[in-house]
Protein backbone atom coordinates (compact mmCIF):
# COMPACT_ATOMS: atom_id res chain seq x y z
CA MET A 1 0.00 0.00 0.00
CA GLU A 2 1.44 3.37 -1.06
CA GLU A 3 1.56 5.94 1.75
CA ASN A 4 0.77 9.64 1.43
CA TYR A 5 4.07 11.18 2.50
CA LYS A 6 4.95 14.87 2.63
CA LEU A 7 8.59 13.81 2.63
CA GLU A 8 10.25 10.53 1.71
CA LYS A 9 14.04 10.41 1.77
CA GLU A 10 16.91 7.98 2.29
CA TYR A 11 19.75 8.78 4.70
CA LYS A 12 22.66 7.33 6.67
CA VAL A 13 23.59 7.80 10.33
CA PRO A 14 27.39 8.04 10.77
CA ALA A 15 28.78 6.66 14.06
CA ASP A 16 29.92 10.12 15.20
CA THR A 17 26.43 11.52 14.70
CA PHE A 18 25.00 8.55 16.61
CA ARG A 19 27.43 9.21 19.49
CA ASP A 20 26.46 12.89 19.70
CA ALA A 21 22.74 12.14 19.44
CA TYR A 22 22.93 9.42 22.09
CA LEU A 23 24.75 11.88 24.37
CA GLU A 24 21.85 14.33 23.96
CA PHE A 25 19.39 11.52 24.74
CA GLN A 26 21.40 10.66 27.87
CA LYS A 27 21.45 14.31 28.97
CA LYS A 28 17.67 14.34 28.87
CA TYR A 29 16.79 10.93 30.33
CA VAL A 30 19.84 9.18 31.82
CA TYR A 31 22.12 11.76 33.40
CA PRO A 32 19.57 13.46 35.71
CA LYS A 33 18.79 10.16 37.49
CA SER A 34 22.45 9.14 37.39
CA TYR A 35 23.55 12.43 38.97
CA ILE A 36 20.99 12.04 41.78
CA TYR A 37 22.25 8.54 42.62
CA MET A 38 25.86 9.68 42.29
CA ALA A 39 25.19 12.51 44.78
CA ILE A 40 23.38 10.19 47.22
CA PHE A 41 26.18 7.61 47.21
CA GLY A 42 28.84 10.37 47.32
CA VAL A 43 27.26 12.02 50.37
CA LEU A 44 26.86 8.61 52.01
CA ALA A 45 30.55 7.87 51.36
CA ILE A 46 31.62 11.22 52.89
CA VAL A 47 29.36 10.71 55.94
CA LEU A 48 30.77 7.20 56.46
CA LEU A 49 34.34 8.50 56.14
CA ILE A 50 33.80 11.36 58.59
CA PHE A 51 31.97 9.09 61.03
CA GLY A 52 34.76 6.51 60.69
CA ILE A 53 37.49 9.07 61.36
CA PHE A 54 35.93 10.98 64.25
CA ALA A 55 33.45 8.67 65.98
CA MET A 56 35.21 5.34 65.60
CA HIS A 57 38.79 6.26 66.64
CA ASP A 58 38.42 4.18 69.84
CA ALA A 59 36.46 1.35 68.21
CA PRO A 60 37.93 -2.12 67.70
CA LYS A 61 39.77 -2.76 64.43
CA LYS A 62 36.98 -4.99 63.11
CA GLN A 63 34.39 -2.18 63.39
CA LYS A 64 36.80 0.30 61.76
CA TYR A 65 37.39 -2.19 58.96
CA ILE A 66 33.62 -2.57 58.39
CA MET A 67 33.18 1.23 58.41
CA TYR A 68 35.93 1.79 55.84
CA LEU A 69 34.62 -1.08 53.75
CA ALA A 70 31.17 0.58 53.74
CA PHE A 71 32.86 3.85 52.65
CA ILE A 72 34.60 2.09 49.74
CA VAL A 73 31.34 0.43 48.64
CA ALA A 74 29.43 3.76 48.71
CA ALA A 75 32.26 5.50 46.79
CA ALA A 76 32.32 2.65 44.25
CA PHE A 77 28.55 2.95 43.67
CA SER A 78 28.96 6.70 43.16
CA LEU A 79 31.72 6.15 40.60
CA ARG A 80 29.66 3.47 38.89
CA GLU A 81 26.82 5.94 38.38
CA TRP A 82 29.30 8.28 36.69
CA PHE A 83 31.02 5.58 34.60
CA ASN A 84 28.12 3.40 33.35
CA PRO A 85 26.42 5.96 31.03
CA ARG A 86 29.77 6.75 29.39
CA LYS A 87 30.57 3.06 28.99
CA MET A 88 27.13 2.42 27.48
CA ARG A 89 27.55 5.29 24.99
CA ARG A 90 31.01 4.06 23.96
CA SER A 91 29.77 0.47 23.60
CA LEU A 92 26.72 1.41 21.51
CA THR A 93 28.80 3.72 19.32
CA GLU A 94 31.26 0.91 18.62
CA SER A 95 28.34 -1.41 17.76
CA VAL A 96 26.96 1.18 15.33
CA ARG A 97 30.43 1.68 13.83
CA ALA A 98 30.74 -2.10 13.34
CA LEU A 99 27.46 -2.16 11.41
CA GLY A 100 28.88 0.22 8.83
CA GLU A 101 26.40 2.72 7.46
CA PRO A 102 23.06 1.10 6.64
CA ILE A 103 20.70 3.17 4.51
CA TYR A 104 17.48 4.22 6.22
CA LYS A 105 14.37 5.84 4.82
CA ILE A 106 12.09 8.35 6.49
CA GLY A 107 8.52 8.96 5.45
CA VAL A 108 6.74 11.92 7.02
CA GLY A 109 2.93 11.78 6.96
CA ASP A 110 0.27 13.96 8.55
CA LYS A 111 0.23 12.36 12.00
CA PHE A 112 2.99 9.78 11.74
CA VAL A 113 6.61 9.22 10.78
CA ASP A 114 7.79 5.96 9.22
CA ILE A 115 11.41 4.83 9.62
CA SER A 116 12.70 1.82 7.72
CA THR A 117 15.98 0.17 6.82
CA VAL A 118 16.52 0.13 3.06
CA SER A 119 19.80 -1.79 2.91
CA ASP A 120 22.49 -3.12 5.21
CA ASP A 121 26.09 -1.97 4.85
CA LEU A 122 27.97 -5.23 4.92
CA SER A 123 31.37 -3.70 4.11
CA ASN A 124 32.74 -4.12 7.63
CA ILE A 125 31.76 -7.77 8.03
CA ALA A 126 34.76 -10.05 7.68
CA GLU A 127 34.35 -12.76 5.11
CA PRO A 128 34.45 -16.30 6.50
CA GLU A 129 37.08 -18.73 5.26
CA GLU A 130 37.10 -18.94 1.49
CA GLU A 131 34.45 -21.50 0.79
CA GLU A 132 32.98 -22.33 -2.53
CA LYS A 133 29.32 -21.39 -2.60
CA SER A 134 26.95 -22.30 -5.31
CA GLU A 135 24.51 -19.75 -6.73
CA GLU A 136 21.65 -21.61 -5.03
CA ASP A 137 23.28 -21.16 -1.58
CA THR A 138 23.71 -17.44 -2.22
CA GLU A 139 20.08 -17.07 -3.29
CA ASP A 140 18.89 -18.90 -0.15
CA ILE A 141 20.90 -16.56 2.10
CA THR A 142 19.53 -13.44 0.42
CA GLU A 143 15.96 -14.67 0.56
CA THR A 144 16.11 -15.50 4.27
CA ASP A 145 18.07 -12.36 5.25
CA HIS A 146 15.12 -9.95 5.49
CA LEU A 147 15.36 -6.33 6.56
CA PRO A 148 13.31 -5.30 9.60
CA GLU A 149 9.77 -4.02 9.11
CA LYS A 150 9.30 -0.28 9.01
CA THR A 151 8.59 1.42 12.30
CA ARG A 152 5.67 3.81 12.53
CA ILE A 153 5.97 6.59 15.08
CA ASN A 154 2.65 8.24 15.85
CA VAL A 155 2.84 11.98 16.35
CA ASP A 156 0.97 12.27 19.64
CA GLU A 157 1.60 13.55 23.16
CA GLY A 158 4.43 10.99 23.66
CA PHE A 159 6.31 12.19 20.58
CA GLN A 160 9.10 14.77 20.87
CA LEU A 161 11.23 16.34 18.17
CA MET A 162 14.46 18.03 19.23
CA GLU A 163 16.69 19.88 16.80
CA TYR A 164 20.46 20.22 17.11
CA ASP A 165 23.13 21.63 14.81
CA ARG A 166 23.77 18.41 12.85
CA PHE A 167 20.70 16.25 13.49
CA PHE A 168 17.15 15.86 14.72
CA LEU A 169 16.34 13.57 17.61
CA MET A 170 12.87 12.02 17.48
CA LEU A 171 11.70 10.52 20.75
CA ALA A 172 8.82 8.09 20.98
CA GLY A 173 8.36 8.02 24.76
CA LYS A 174 11.40 7.77 27.02
CA GLU A 175 12.86 4.52 25.72
CA MET A 176 12.96 4.84 21.92
CA PHE A 177 14.77 7.48 19.91
CA TYR A 178 15.52 7.93 16.24
CA ILE A 179 18.25 10.05 14.70
CA LEU A 180 17.80 12.03 11.51
CA PRO A 181 21.02 13.71 10.31
CA LYS A 182 20.55 17.07 8.55
CA GLU A 183 23.29 16.29 6.04
CA GLY A 184 21.85 15.72 2.56
CA PHE A 185 18.49 17.36 3.32
CA SER A 186 17.44 20.58 1.58
CA GLU A 187 16.09 23.54 3.55
CA ALA A 188 12.54 22.75 2.34
CA GLU A 189 12.89 19.13 3.53
CA LEU A 190 14.24 20.28 6.90
CA LYS A 191 11.22 22.59 7.25
CA ILE A 192 8.88 19.60 6.71
CA VAL A 193 10.72 17.75 9.48
CA ARG A 194 10.53 20.79 11.80
CA ASP A 195 6.80 21.06 11.16
CA ILE A 196 6.11 17.45 12.22
CA LYS A 197 4.84 18.70 15.57
């Protein structure tokens, strides 16, 4: 069935653009919660350290050991809250980089946006050992290797569109986000994207 699109265009998402867009997503949804937990564990670590130094100076060694161990655990949890979002961003960026640059297609309708994968970039996939493959084997692989179905994002109260210098970030709720680089889009096409909501 042919859709009625105001805009239909193919694009690629480079790994650097993905990294920057994911950072913006984290700033909105991940970092605020992470900073709260980091502050809670940091304050707890400082309180445990101060209590251990001043209130436990006459305590037995075993109690001092437990107090300092609790301090280290609280400090470690605080550092974990700082480190995990950065590790996740680095890991996801490397995964995107390993995929190459698949070609995506956006279709902008009246109250929806469709995102689909047009083709996979298989240039970064290492070839297995040189094996002789018949044409029938190759045809079977291509027929069974289907691209994912297109994703329809309804433009409703859960939809958000955020614009940055190099890309748009489309959020469908708090868990799903889609990146639309500005590169390759004309000013008229960018206006259609801006007018989605």
